[in-house]
Amino acid sequence: QVHVAESGGGLVQAGGSLRLSCAASGDIFRFAVVAAGWYRQPPGKQRELVARITIARTTNYADSVKGRFTISRDHLWKKVYHQMNDVKPEDTAVYYCNIQTRDHGDYWGQGTQVTVSS
């Protein structure tokens, strides 16, 4: 059994910062993790990729968050972090953590709500 859980969401004022955490546990440590990502789903819109980090620690970001958000991870993929700086009202969304394995598919958390007030 694999469990992925996000935390750290909440209400923040525009221009402020927030740090999301993703904790992976269970059988996922028997699988070869190749990448992890943060996705978000704004109200009434589709889920979109925000940031991704690979096993080589290569990162890529959506254009809308470049220079403001940073994804990082620990050595064993137990934790994946998402530092959000200079947040904007359009960053309001449910944020999801995704863990991608080489042979056993992807695993998702339940999501954490981030609300940015103007």
PDB file of N, CA and C in Angstrom:
ATOM      1  N   GLN A   1       0.841  -1.183   0.000  1.00  0.00           N
ATOM      2  CA  GLN A   1       0.000   0.000   0.000  1.00  0.00           C
ATOM      3  C   GLN A   1       0.887   1.248   0.000  1.00  0.00           C
ATOM      4  N   VAL A   2       0.466   2.246  -0.761  1.00  0.00           N
ATOM      5  CA  VAL A   2       1.227   3.488  -0.899  1.00  0.00           C
ATOM      6  C   VAL A   2       0.373   4.637  -0.377  1.00  0.00           C
ATOM      7  N   HIS A   3       1.002   5.503   0.359  1.00  0.00           N
ATOM      8  CA  HIS A   3       0.294   6.660   0.886  1.00  0.00           C
ATOM      9  C   HIS A   3       1.095   7.920   0.592  1.00  0.00           C
ATOM     10  N   VAL A   4       0.412   8.922   0.014  1.00  0.00           N
ATOM     11  CA  VAL A   4       1.020  10.220  -0.279  1.00  0.00           C
ATOM     12  C   VAL A   4       0.137  11.276   0.379  1.00  0.00           C
ATOM     13  N   ALA A   5       0.732  12.154   1.150  1.00  0.00           N
ATOM     14  CA  ALA A   5      -0.048  13.151   1.884  1.00  0.00           C
ATOM     15  C   ALA A   5       0.594  14.519   1.779  1.00  0.00           C
ATOM     16  N   GLU A   6      -0.213  15.495   1.391  1.00  0.00           N
ATOM     17  CA  GLU A   6       0.248  16.884   1.330  1.00  0.00           C
ATOM     18  C   GLU A   6      -0.118  17.604   2.626  1.00  0.00           C
ATOM     19  N   SER A   7       0.660  18.629   2.943  1.00  0.00           N
ATOM     20  CA  SER A   7       0.357  19.472   4.087  1.00  0.00           C
ATOM     21  C   SER A   7       0.929  20.857   3.834  1.00  0.00           C
ATOM     22  N   GLY A   8       0.491  21.813   4.641  1.00  0.00           N
ATOM     23  CA  GLY A   8       1.047  23.154   4.564  1.00  0.00           C
ATOM     24  C   GLY A   8       0.192  24.176   3.855  1.00  0.00           C
ATOM     25  N   GLY A   9      -0.939  23.746   3.323  1.00  0.00           N
ATOM     26  CA  GLY A   9      -1.804  24.705   2.657  1.00  0.00           C
ATOM     27  C   GLY A   9      -2.482  25.639   3.644  1.00  0.00           C
ATOM     28  N   GLY A  10      -3.152  26.641   3.111  1.00  0.00           N
ATOM     29  CA  GLY A  10      -3.867  27.577   3.977  1.00  0.00           C
ATOM     30  C   GLY A  10      -4.150  28.876   3.271  1.00  0.00           C
ATOM     31  N   LEU A  11      -4.453  29.882   4.056  1.00  0.00           N
ATOM     32  CA  LEU A  11      -4.757  31.215   3.546  1.00  0.00           C
ATOM     33  C   LEU A  11      -3.529  32.103   3.702  1.00  0.00           C
ATOM     34  N   VAL A  12      -3.175  32.795   2.636  1.00  0.00           N
ATOM     35  CA  VAL A  12      -2.005  33.671   2.655  1.00  0.00           C
ATOM     36  C   VAL A  12      -2.327  34.921   1.854  1.00  0.00           C
ATOM     37  N   GLN A  13      -1.754  36.034   2.257  1.00  0.00           N
ATOM     38  CA  GLN A  13      -1.965  37.282   1.525  1.00  0.00           C
ATOM     39  C   GLN A  13      -1.078  37.338   0.294  1.00  0.00           C
ATOM     40  N   ALA A  14      -1.535  38.047  -0.698  1.00  0.00           N
ATOM     41  CA  ALA A  14      -0.734  38.234  -1.905  1.00  0.00           C
ATOM     42  C   ALA A  14       0.623  38.837  -1.525  1.00  0.00           C
ATOM     43  N   GLY A  15       1.671  38.295  -2.162  1.00  0.00           N
ATOM     44  CA  GLY A  15       3.025  38.732  -1.846  1.00  0.00           C
ATOM     45  C   GLY A  15       3.692  37.919  -0.755  1.00  0.00           C
ATOM     46  N   GLY A  16       2.925  37.102  -0.087  1.00  0.00           N
ATOM     47  CA  GLY A  16       3.457  36.295   0.998  1.00  0.00           C
ATOM     48  C   GLY A  16       4.049  34.982   0.516  1.00  0.00           C
ATOM     49  N   SER A  17       4.391  34.130   1.477  1.00  0.00           N
ATOM     50  CA  SER A  17       5.032  32.849   1.170  1.00  0.00           C
ATOM     51  C   SER A  17       4.315  31.715   1.874  1.00  0.00           C
ATOM     52  N   LEU A  18       4.482  30.542   1.288  1.00  0.00           N
ATOM     53  CA  LEU A  18       3.891  29.330   1.848  1.00  0.00           C
ATOM     54  C   LEU A  18       4.775  28.162   1.443  1.00  0.00           C
ATOM     55  N   ARG A  19       4.909  27.188   2.324  1.00  0.00           N
ATOM     56  CA  ARG A  19       5.700  26.004   1.996  1.00  0.00           C
ATOM     57  C   ARG A  19       4.836  24.761   2.130  1.00  0.00           C
ATOM     58  N   LEU A  20       4.672  24.066   1.034  1.00  0.00           N
ATOM     59  CA  LEU A  20       3.920  22.823   1.034  1.00  0.00           C
ATOM     60  C   LEU A  20       4.883  21.653   1.190  1.00  0.00           C
ATOM     61  N   SER A  21       4.408  20.622   1.868  1.00  0.00           N
ATOM     62  CA  SER A  21       5.194  19.404   2.023  1.00  0.00           C
ATOM     63  C   SER A  21       4.395  18.217   1.529  1.00  0.00           C
ATOM     64  N   CYS A  22       5.109  17.250   0.987  1.00  0.00           N
ATOM     65  CA  CYS A  22       4.504  16.005   0.534  1.00  0.00           C
ATOM     66  C   CYS A  22       5.273  14.869   1.203  1.00  0.00           C
ATOM     67  N   ALA A  23       4.544  14.023   1.915  1.00  0.00           N
ATOM     68  CA  ALA A  23       5.164  12.887   2.592  1.00  0.00           C
ATOM     69  C   ALA A  23       4.711  11.596   1.930  1.00  0.00           C
ATOM     70  N   ALA A  24       5.679  10.795   1.512  1.00  0.00           N
ATOM     71  CA  ALA A  24       5.379   9.498   0.889  1.00  0.00           C
ATOM     72  C   ALA A  24       5.748   8.384   1.857  1.00  0.00           C
ATOM     73  N   SER A  25       4.896   7.377   1.934  1.00  0.00           N
ATOM     74  CA  SER A  25       5.163   6.272   2.850  1.00  0.00           C
ATOM     75  C   SER A  25       4.597   4.973   2.299  1.00  0.00           C
ATOM     76  N   GLY A  26       4.926   3.883   2.970  1.00  0.00           N
ATOM     77  CA  GLY A  26       4.412   2.581   2.565  1.00  0.00           C
ATOM     78  C   GLY A  26       5.291   1.894   1.544  1.00  0.00           C
ATOM     79  N   ASP A  27       4.674   1.120   0.698  1.00  0.00           N
ATOM     80  CA  ASP A  27       5.406   0.287  -0.253  1.00  0.00           C
ATOM     81  C   ASP A  27       6.159   1.075  -1.312  1.00  0.00           C
ATOM     82  N   ILE A  28       5.926   2.372  -1.367  1.00  0.00           N
ATOM     83  CA  ILE A  28       6.561   3.155  -2.416  1.00  0.00           C
ATOM     84  C   ILE A  28       8.074   3.071  -2.344  1.00  0.00           C
ATOM     85  N   PHE A  29       8.615   2.766  -1.165  1.00  0.00           N
ATOM     86  CA  PHE A  29      10.056   2.697  -1.014  1.00  0.00           C
ATOM     87  C   PHE A  29      10.642   1.396  -1.565  1.00  0.00           C
ATOM     88  N   ARG A  30       9.753   0.473  -1.969  1.00  0.00           N
ATOM     89  CA  ARG A  30      10.235  -0.724  -2.680  1.00  0.00           C
ATOM     90  C   ARG A  30      10.228  -0.487  -4.177  1.00  0.00           C
ATOM     91  N   PHE A  31       9.652   0.640  -4.595  1.00  0.00           N
ATOM     92  CA  PHE A  31       9.566   0.942  -6.013  1.00  0.00           C
ATOM     93  C   PHE A  31      10.642   1.945  -6.406  1.00  0.00           C
ATOM     94  N   ALA A  32      10.986   1.985  -7.687  1.00  0.00           N
ATOM     95  CA  ALA A  32      11.981   2.942  -8.173  1.00  0.00           C
ATOM     96  C   ALA A  32      11.269   4.249  -8.519  1.00  0.00           C
ATOM     97  N   VAL A  33      11.426   5.237  -7.659  1.00  0.00           N
ATOM     98  CA  VAL A  33      10.827   6.549  -7.915  1.00  0.00           C
ATOM     99  C   VAL A  33      11.709   7.296  -8.909  1.00  0.00           C
ATOM    100  N   VAL A  34      11.109   7.844  -9.938  1.00  0.00           N
ATOM    101  CA  VAL A  34      11.887   8.548 -10.962  1.00  0.00           C
ATOM    102  C   VAL A  34      11.646  10.051 -10.957  1.00  0.00           C
ATOM    103  N   ALA A  35      10.521  10.475 -10.400  1.00  0.00           N
ATOM    104  CA  ALA A  35      10.232  11.911 -10.384  1.00  0.00           C
ATOM    105  C   ALA A  35       9.072  12.182  -9.436  1.00  0.00           C
ATOM    106  N   ALA A  36       8.962  13.431  -9.060  1.00  0.00           N
ATOM    107  CA  ALA A  36       7.817  13.883  -8.264  1.00  0.00           C
ATOM    108  C   ALA A  36       7.411  15.255  -8.768  1.00  0.00           C
ATOM    109  N   GLY A  37       6.149  15.554  -8.614  1.00  0.00           N
ATOM    110  CA  GLY A  37       5.676  16.833  -9.105  1.00  0.00           C
ATOM    111  C   GLY A  37       4.591  17.413  -8.234  1.00  0.00           C
ATOM    112  N   TRP A  38       4.436  18.720  -8.328  1.00  0.00           N
ATOM    113  CA  TRP A  38       3.314  19.419  -7.723  1.00  0.00           C
ATOM    114  C   TRP A  38       2.401  19.887  -8.839  1.00  0.00           C
ATOM    115  N   TYR A  39       1.142  19.572  -8.707  1.00  0.00           N
ATOM    116  CA  TYR A  39       0.108  20.000  -9.636  1.00  0.00           C
ATOM    117  C   TYR A  39      -0.895  20.856  -8.867  1.00  0.00           C
ATOM    118  N   ARG A  40      -1.667  21.616  -9.615  1.00  0.00           N
ATOM    119  CA  ARG A  40      -2.719  22.391  -8.960  1.00  0.00           C
ATOM    120  C   ARG A  40      -3.966  22.424  -9.835  1.00  0.00           C
ATOM    121  N   GLN A  41      -5.090  22.581  -9.169  1.00  0.00           N
ATOM    122  CA  GLN A  41      -6.369  22.686  -9.865  1.00  0.00           C
ATOM    123  C   GLN A  41      -7.120  23.881  -9.334  1.00  0.00           C
ATOM    124  N   PRO A  42      -7.104  24.982 -10.083  1.00  0.00           N
ATOM    125  CA  PRO A  42      -7.865  26.164  -9.657  1.00  0.00           C
ATOM    126  C   PRO A  42      -9.359  25.897  -9.763  1.00  0.00           C
ATOM    127  N   PRO A  43     -10.179  26.657  -9.106  1.00  0.00           N
ATOM    128  CA  PRO A  43     -11.629  26.459  -9.168  1.00  0.00           C
ATOM    129  C   PRO A  43     -12.149  26.513 -10.603  1.00  0.00           C
ATOM    130  N   GLY A  44     -12.873  25.489 -11.014  1.00  0.00           N
ATOM    131  CA  GLY A  44     -13.485  25.466 -12.334  1.00  0.00           C
ATOM    132  C   GLY A  44     -12.527  25.210 -13.489  1.00  0.00           C
ATOM    133  N   LYS A  45     -11.276  24.857 -13.158  1.00  0.00           N
ATOM    134  CA  LYS A  45     -10.285  24.629 -14.218  1.00  0.00           C
ATOM    135  C   LYS A  45      -9.675  23.233 -14.101  1.00  0.00           C
ATOM    136  N   GLN A  46      -8.913  22.865 -15.123  1.00  0.00           N
ATOM    137  CA  GLN A  46      -8.277  21.552 -15.134  1.00  0.00           C
ATOM    138  C   GLN A  46      -7.004  21.562 -14.285  1.00  0.00           C
ATOM    139  N   ARG A  47      -6.620  20.379 -13.865  1.00  0.00           N
ATOM    140  CA  ARG A  47      -5.381  20.231 -13.121  1.00  0.00           C
ATOM    141  C   ARG A  47      -4.200  20.503 -14.048  1.00  0.00           C
ATOM    142  N   GLU A  48      -3.196  21.212 -13.520  1.00  0.00           N
ATOM    143  CA  GLU A  48      -2.039  21.568 -14.328  1.00  0.00           C
ATOM    144  C   GLU A  48      -0.757  21.314 -13.548  1.00  0.00           C
ATOM    145  N   LEU A  49       0.319  21.024 -14.288  1.00  0.00           N
ATOM    146  CA  LEU A  49       1.620  20.824 -13.672  1.00  0.00           C
ATOM    147  C   LEU A  49       2.201  22.173 -13.270  1.00  0.00           C
ATOM    148  N   VAL A  50       2.693  22.250 -12.045  1.00  0.00           N
ATOM    149  CA  VAL A  50       3.310  23.474 -11.547  1.00  0.00           C
ATOM    150  C   VAL A  50       4.820  23.328 -11.505  1.00  0.00           C
ATOM    151  N   ALA A  51       5.287  22.209 -10.953  1.00  0.00           N
ATOM    152  CA  ALA A  51       6.725  21.994 -10.802  1.00  0.00           C
ATOM    153  C   ALA A  51       7.000  20.501 -10.750  1.00  0.00           C
ATOM    154  N   ARG A  52       8.185  20.124 -11.222  1.00  0.00           N
ATOM    155  CA  ARG A  52       8.554  18.711 -11.259  1.00  0.00           C
ATOM    156  C   ARG A  52      10.039  18.587 -10.979  1.00  0.00           C
ATOM    157  N   ILE A  53      10.414  17.512 -10.275  1.00  0.00           N
ATOM    158  CA  ILE A  53      11.810  17.249  -9.988  1.00  0.00           C
ATOM    159  C   ILE A  53      12.087  15.777 -10.262  1.00  0.00           C
ATOM    160  N   THR A  54      13.235  15.511 -10.874  1.00  0.00           N
ATOM    161  CA  THR A  54      13.558  14.147 -11.261  1.00  0.00           C
ATOM    162  C   THR A  54      14.558  13.516 -10.300  1.00  0.00           C
ATOM    163  N   ILE A  55      14.867  12.255 -10.559  1.00  0.00           N
ATOM    164  CA  ILE A  55      15.834  11.539  -9.735  1.00  0.00           C
ATOM    165  C   ILE A  55      17.202  12.212  -9.802  1.00  0.00           C
ATOM    166  N   ALA A  56      17.507  12.891 -10.906  1.00  0.00           N
ATOM    167  CA  ALA A  56      18.767  13.618 -11.053  1.00  0.00           C
ATOM    168  C   ALA A  56      18.657  15.036 -10.489  1.00  0.00           C
ATOM    169  N   ARG A  57      17.528  15.343  -9.861  1.00  0.00           N
ATOM    170  CA  ARG A  57      17.240  16.670  -9.286  1.00  0.00           C
ATOM    171  C   ARG A  57      17.092  17.749 -10.356  1.00  0.00           C
ATOM    172  N   THR A  58      16.845  17.335 -11.571  1.00  0.00           N
ATOM    173  CA  THR A  58      16.483  18.304 -12.615  1.00  0.00           C
ATOM    174  C   THR A  58      15.078  18.813 -12.333  1.00  0.00           C
ATOM    175  N   THR A  59      14.889  20.117 -12.479  1.00  0.00           N
ATOM    176  CA  THR A  59      13.582  20.692 -12.186  1.00  0.00           C
ATOM    177  C   THR A  59      13.022  21.418 -13.409  1.00  0.00           C
ATOM    178  N   ASN A  60      11.709  21.464 -13.478  1.00  0.00           N
ATOM    179  CA  ASN A  60      11.060  22.303 -14.468  1.00  0.00           C
ATOM    180  C   ASN A  60       9.793  22.876 -13.858  1.00  0.00           C
ATOM    181  N   TYR A  61       9.422  24.050 -14.348  1.00  0.00           N
ATOM    182  CA  TYR A  61       8.322  24.815 -13.763  1.00  0.00           C
ATOM    183  C   TYR A  61       7.388  25.343 -14.839  1.00  0.00           C
ATOM    184  N   ALA A  62       6.148  25.529 -14.458  1.00  0.00           N
ATOM    185  CA  ALA A  62       5.214  26.241 -15.327  1.00  0.00           C
ATOM    186  C   ALA A  62       5.690  27.680 -15.461  1.00  0.00           C
ATOM    187  N   ASP A  63       5.485  28.272 -16.627  1.00  0.00           N
ATOM    188  CA  ASP A  63       5.944  29.641 -16.862  1.00  0.00           C
ATOM    189  C   ASP A  63       5.370  30.620 -15.834  1.00  0.00           C
ATOM    190  N   SER A  64       4.167  30.358 -15.391  1.00  0.00           N
ATOM    191  CA  SER A  64       3.486  31.284 -14.488  1.00  0.00           C
ATOM    192  C   SER A  64       4.107  31.331 -13.097  1.00  0.00           C
ATOM    193  N   VAL A  65       4.938  30.347 -12.755  1.00  0.00           N
ATOM    194  CA  VAL A  65       5.508  30.316 -11.412  1.00  0.00           C
ATOM    195  C   VAL A  65       7.028  30.408 -11.406  1.00  0.00           C
ATOM    196  N   LYS A  66       7.651  30.450 -12.562  1.00  0.00           N
ATOM    197  CA  LYS A  66       9.112  30.515 -12.626  1.00  0.00           C
ATOM    198  C   LYS A  66       9.633  31.733 -11.869  1.00  0.00           C
ATOM    199  N   GLY A  67      10.652  31.495 -11.060  1.00  0.00           N
ATOM    200  CA  GLY A  67      11.225  32.576 -10.273  1.00  0.00           C
ATOM    201  C   GLY A  67      10.522  32.815  -8.954  1.00  0.00           C
ATOM    202  N   ARG A  68       9.366  32.182  -8.759  1.00  0.00           N
ATOM    203  CA  ARG A  68       8.623  32.367  -7.505  1.00  0.00           C
ATOM    204  C   ARG A  68       8.513  31.076  -6.693  1.00  0.00           C
ATOM    205  N   PHE A  69       8.368  29.963  -7.377  1.00  0.00           N
ATOM    206  CA  PHE A  69       8.188  28.671  -6.701  1.00  0.00           C
ATOM    207  C   PHE A  69       9.444  27.824  -6.868  1.00  0.00           C
ATOM    208  N   THR A  70       9.720  26.993  -5.859  1.00  0.00           N
ATOM    209  CA  THR A  70      10.867  26.092  -5.904  1.00  0.00           C
ATOM    210  C   THR A  70      10.464  24.723  -5.375  1.00  0.00           C
ATOM    211  N   ILE A  71      10.772  23.699  -6.150  1.00  0.00           N
ATOM    212  CA  ILE A  71      10.513  22.326  -5.730  1.00  0.00           C
ATOM    213  C   ILE A  71      11.828  21.706  -5.273  1.00  0.00           C
ATOM    214  N   SER A  72      11.767  20.902  -4.228  1.00  0.00           N
ATOM    215  CA  SER A  72      12.955  20.216  -3.742  1.00  0.00           C
ATOM    216  C   SER A  72      12.535  18.889  -3.118  1.00  0.00           C
ATOM    217  N   ARG A  73      13.494  18.050  -2.855  1.00  0.00           N
ATOM    218  CA  ARG A  73      13.190  16.742  -2.255  1.00  0.00           C
ATOM    219  C   ARG A  73      14.336  16.294  -1.373  1.00  0.00           C
ATOM    220  N   ASP A  74      14.027  15.345  -0.498  1.00  0.00           N
ATOM    221  CA  ASP A  74      15.110  14.777   0.283  1.00  0.00           C
ATOM    222  C   ASP A  74      15.705  13.594  -0.475  1.00  0.00           C
ATOM    223  N   HIS A  75      16.742  13.017   0.106  1.00  0.00           N
ATOM    224  CA  HIS A  75      17.515  12.001  -0.600  1.00  0.00           C
ATOM    225  C   HIS A  75      16.711  10.740  -0.911  1.00  0.00           C
ATOM    226  N   LEU A  76      15.788  10.380  -0.023  1.00  0.00           N
ATOM    227  CA  LEU A  76      15.082   9.108  -0.149  1.00  0.00           C
ATOM    228  C   LEU A  76      13.659   9.254  -0.671  1.00  0.00           C
ATOM    229  N   TRP A  77      13.296  10.428  -1.159  1.00  0.00           N
ATOM    230  CA  TRP A  77      11.953  10.688  -1.654  1.00  0.00           C
ATOM    231  C   TRP A  77      10.889  10.599  -0.549  1.00  0.00           C
ATOM    232  N   LYS A  78      11.310  10.658   0.701  1.00  0.00           N
ATOM    233  CA  LYS A  78      10.308  10.646   1.765  1.00  0.00           C
ATOM    234  C   LYS A  78       9.544  11.955   1.820  1.00  0.00           C
ATOM    235  N   LYS A  79      10.214  13.025   1.472  1.00  0.00           N
ATOM    236  CA  LYS A  79       9.581  14.336   1.492  1.00  0.00           C
ATOM    237  C   LYS A  79       9.880  15.088   0.189  1.00  0.00           C
ATOM    238  N   VAL A  80       8.849  15.739  -0.327  1.00  0.00           N
ATOM    239  CA  VAL A  80       8.993  16.629  -1.475  1.00  0.00           C
ATOM    240  C   VAL A  80       8.400  17.976  -1.049  1.00  0.00           C
ATOM    241  N   TYR A  81       9.144  19.026  -1.269  1.00  0.00           N
ATOM    242  CA  TYR A  81       8.736  20.340  -0.792  1.00  0.00           C
ATOM    243  C   TYR A  81       8.395  21.272  -1.952  1.00  0.00           C
ATOM    244  N   HIS A  82       7.591  22.260  -1.631  1.00  0.00           N
ATOM    245  CA  HIS A  82       7.159  23.223  -2.644  1.00  0.00           C
ATOM    246  C   HIS A  82       7.135  24.596  -1.979  1.00  0.00           C
ATOM    247  N   GLN A  83       8.198  25.353  -2.169  1.00  0.00           N
ATOM    248  CA  GLN A  83       8.282  26.692  -1.591  1.00  0.00           C
ATOM    249  C   GLN A  83       7.630  27.676  -2.554  1.00  0.00           C
ATOM    250  N   MET A  84       6.649  28.387  -2.029  1.00  0.00           N
ATOM    251  CA  MET A  84       5.905  29.336  -2.848  1.00  0.00           C
ATOM    252  C   MET A  84       6.160  30.733  -2.315  1.00  0.00           C
ATOM    253  N   ASN A  85       6.803  31.579  -3.091  1.00  0.00           N
ATOM    254  CA  ASN A  85       7.083  32.964  -2.701  1.00  0.00           C
ATOM    255  C   ASN A  85       6.340  33.926  -3.602  1.00  0.00           C
ATOM    256  N   ASP A  86       6.118  35.118  -3.086  1.00  0.00           N
ATOM    257  CA  ASP A  86       5.442  36.155  -3.865  1.00  0.00           C
ATOM    258  C   ASP A  86       4.154  35.617  -4.490  1.00  0.00           C
ATOM    259  N   VAL A  87       3.340  34.988  -3.685  1.00  0.00           N
ATOM    260  CA  VAL A  87       2.120  34.361  -4.218  1.00  0.00           C
ATOM    261  C   VAL A  87       1.136  35.414  -4.715  1.00  0.00           C
ATOM    262  N   LYS A  88       0.314  34.987  -5.652  1.00  0.00           N
ATOM    263  CA  LYS A  88      -0.658  35.874  -6.273  1.00  0.00           C
ATOM    264  C   LYS A  88      -2.048  35.244  -6.147  1.00  0.00           C
ATOM    265  N   PRO A  89      -3.100  36.053  -6.257  1.00  0.00           N
ATOM    266  CA  PRO A  89      -4.448  35.481  -6.168  1.00  0.00           C
ATOM    267  C   PRO A  89      -4.675  34.357  -7.178  1.00  0.00           C
ATOM    268  N   GLU A  90      -4.058  34.444  -8.340  1.00  0.00           N
ATOM    269  CA  GLU A  90      -4.240  33.397  -9.348  1.00  0.00           C
ATOM    270  C   GLU A  90      -3.541  32.092  -8.987  1.00  0.00           C
ATOM    271  N   ASP A  91      -2.778  32.076  -7.905  1.00  0.00           N
ATOM    272  CA  ASP A  91      -2.183  30.834  -7.411  1.00  0.00           C
ATOM    273  C   ASP A  91      -3.172  30.046  -6.551  1.00  0.00           C
ATOM    274  N   THR A  92      -4.317  30.613  -6.284  1.00  0.00           N
ATOM    275  CA  THR A  92      -5.336  29.915  -5.498  1.00  0.00           C
ATOM    276  C   THR A  92      -5.767  28.638  -6.202  1.00  0.00           C
ATOM    277  N   ALA A  93      -5.673  27.525  -5.497  1.00  0.00           N
ATOM    278  CA  ALA A  93      -5.984  26.229  -6.093  1.00  0.00           C
ATOM    279  C   ALA A  93      -5.830  25.142  -5.035  1.00  0.00           C
ATOM    280  N   VAL A  94      -6.276  23.955  -5.392  1.00  0.00           N
ATOM    281  CA  VAL A  94      -5.928  22.770  -4.608  1.00  0.00           C
ATOM    282  C   VAL A  94      -4.626  22.238  -5.198  1.00  0.00           C
ATOM    283  N   TYR A  95      -3.633  22.035  -4.362  1.00  0.00           N
ATOM    284  CA  TYR A  95      -2.324  21.571  -4.802  1.00  0.00           C
ATOM    285  C   TYR A  95      -2.166  20.089  -4.479  1.00  0.00           C
ATOM    286  N   TYR A  96      -1.725  19.343  -5.472  1.00  0.00           N
ATOM    287  CA  TYR A  96      -1.571  17.902  -5.347  1.00  0.00           C
ATOM    288  C   TYR A  96      -0.120  17.494  -5.554  1.00  0.00           C
ATOM    289  N   CYS A  97       0.294  16.510  -4.792  1.00  0.00           N
ATOM    290  CA  CYS A  97       1.618  15.926  -4.957  1.00  0.00           C
ATOM    291  C   CYS A  97       1.495  14.639  -5.771  1.00  0.00           C
ATOM    292  N   ASN A  98       2.401  14.463  -6.697  1.00  0.00           N
ATOM    293  CA  ASN A  98       2.425  13.272  -7.538  1.00  0.00           C
ATOM    294  C   ASN A  98       3.798  12.613  -7.425  1.00  0.00           C
ATOM    295  N   ILE A  99       3.806  11.311  -7.170  1.00  0.00           N
ATOM    296  CA  ILE A  99       5.037  10.531  -7.136  1.00  0.00           C
ATOM    297  C   ILE A  99       5.005   9.567  -8.315  1.00  0.00           C
ATOM    298  N   GLN A 100       6.002   9.653  -9.145  1.00  0.00           N
ATOM    299  CA  GLN A 100       6.052   8.834 -10.362  1.00  0.00           C
ATOM    300  C   GLN A 100       7.084   7.718 -10.184  1.00  0.00           C
ATOM    301  N   THR A 101       6.661   6.475 -10.357  1.00  0.00           N
ATOM    302  CA  THR A 101       7.591   5.358 -10.255  1.00  0.00           C
ATOM    303  C   THR A 101       7.901   4.801 -11.637  1.00  0.00           C
ATOM    304  N   ARG A 102       8.970   4.090 -11.724  1.00  0.00           N
ATOM    305  CA  ARG A 102       9.404   3.550 -13.008  1.00  0.00           C
ATOM    306  C   ARG A 102       8.502   2.424 -13.491  1.00  0.00           C
ATOM    307  N   ASP A 103       8.071   1.560 -12.616  1.00  0.00           N
ATOM    308  CA  ASP A 103       7.354   0.356 -13.043  1.00  0.00           C
ATOM    309  C   ASP A 103       5.980   0.179 -12.414  1.00  0.00           C
ATOM    310  N   HIS A 104       5.593   1.064 -11.490  1.00  0.00           N
ATOM    311  CA  HIS A 104       4.340   0.858 -10.764  1.00  0.00           C
ATOM    312  C   HIS A 104       3.394   2.041 -10.853  1.00  0.00           C
ATOM    313  N   GLY A 105       3.576   2.858 -11.850  1.00  0.00           N
ATOM    314  CA  GLY A 105       2.632   3.944 -12.073  1.00  0.00           C
ATOM    315  C   GLY A 105       2.851   5.137 -11.159  1.00  0.00           C
ATOM    316  N   ASP A 106       1.853   6.003 -11.121  1.00  0.00           N
ATOM    317  CA  ASP A 106       1.907   7.246 -10.351  1.00  0.00           C
ATOM    318  C   ASP A 106       1.010   7.153  -9.120  1.00  0.00           C
ATOM    319  N   TYR A 107       1.380   7.900  -8.085  1.00  0.00           N
ATOM    320  CA  TYR A 107       0.590   7.964  -6.868  1.00  0.00           C
ATOM    321  C   TYR A 107       0.314   9.422  -6.533  1.00  0.00           C
ATOM    322  N   TRP A 108      -0.919   9.661  -6.074  1.00  0.00           N
ATOM    323  CA  TRP A 108      -1.375  11.027  -5.798  1.00  0.00           C
ATOM    324  C   TRP A 108      -1.822  11.170  -4.352  1.00  0.00           C
ATOM    325  N   GLY A 109      -1.631  12.376  -3.833  1.00  0.00           N
ATOM    326  CA  GLY A 109      -2.189  12.694  -2.540  1.00  0.00           C
ATOM    327  C   GLY A 109      -3.601  13.226  -2.697  1.00  0.00           C
ATOM    328  N   GLN A 110      -4.217  13.566  -1.556  1.00  0.00           N
ATOM    329  CA  GLN A 110      -5.595  14.048  -1.555  1.00  0.00           C
ATOM    330  C   GLN A 110      -5.696  15.531  -1.869  1.00  0.00           C
ATOM    331  N   GLY A 111      -4.565  16.229  -1.815  1.00  0.00           N
ATOM    332  CA  GLY A 111      -4.559  17.646  -2.129  1.00  0.00           C
ATOM    333  C   GLY A 111      -4.632  18.524  -0.891  1.00  0.00           C
ATOM    334  N   THR A 112      -4.110  19.736  -1.022  1.00  0.00           N
ATOM    335  CA  THR A 112      -4.179  20.727   0.047  1.00  0.00           C
ATOM    336  C   THR A 112      -4.573  22.071  -0.564  1.00  0.00           C
ATOM    337  N   GLN A 113      -5.499  22.746   0.082  1.00  0.00           N
ATOM    338  CA  GLN A 113      -6.024  23.991  -0.455  1.00  0.00           C
ATOM    339  C   GLN A 113      -5.092  25.158  -0.141  1.00  0.00           C
ATOM    340  N   VAL A 114      -4.802  25.944  -1.164  1.00  0.00           N
ATOM    341  CA  VAL A 114      -4.064  27.195  -1.005  1.00  0.00           C
ATOM    342  C   VAL A 114      -4.949  28.323  -1.499  1.00  0.00           C
ATOM    343  N   THR A 115      -5.180  29.286  -0.635  1.00  0.00           N
ATOM    344  CA  THR A 115      -6.005  30.440  -0.991  1.00  0.00           C
ATOM    345  C   THR A 115      -5.198  31.706  -0.784  1.00  0.00           C
ATOM    346  N   VAL A 116      -5.092  32.501  -1.837  1.00  0.00           N
ATOM    347  CA  VAL A 116      -4.327  33.743  -1.771  1.00  0.00           C
ATOM    348  C   VAL A 116      -5.304  34.907  -1.832  1.00  0.00           C
ATOM    349  N   SER A 117      -5.275  35.735  -0.815  1.00  0.00           N
ATOM    350  CA  SER A 117      -6.166  36.891  -0.758  1.00  0.00           C
ATOM    351  C   SER A 117      -5.450  38.125  -1.312  1.00  0.00           C
ATOM    352  N   SER A 118      -6.230  38.967  -1.964  1.00  0.00           N
ATOM    353  CA  SER A 118      -5.633  40.172  -2.575  1.00  0.00           C
ATOM    354  C   SER A 118      -5.647  41.344  -1.624  1.00  0.00           C
TER     355      SER A 118
END
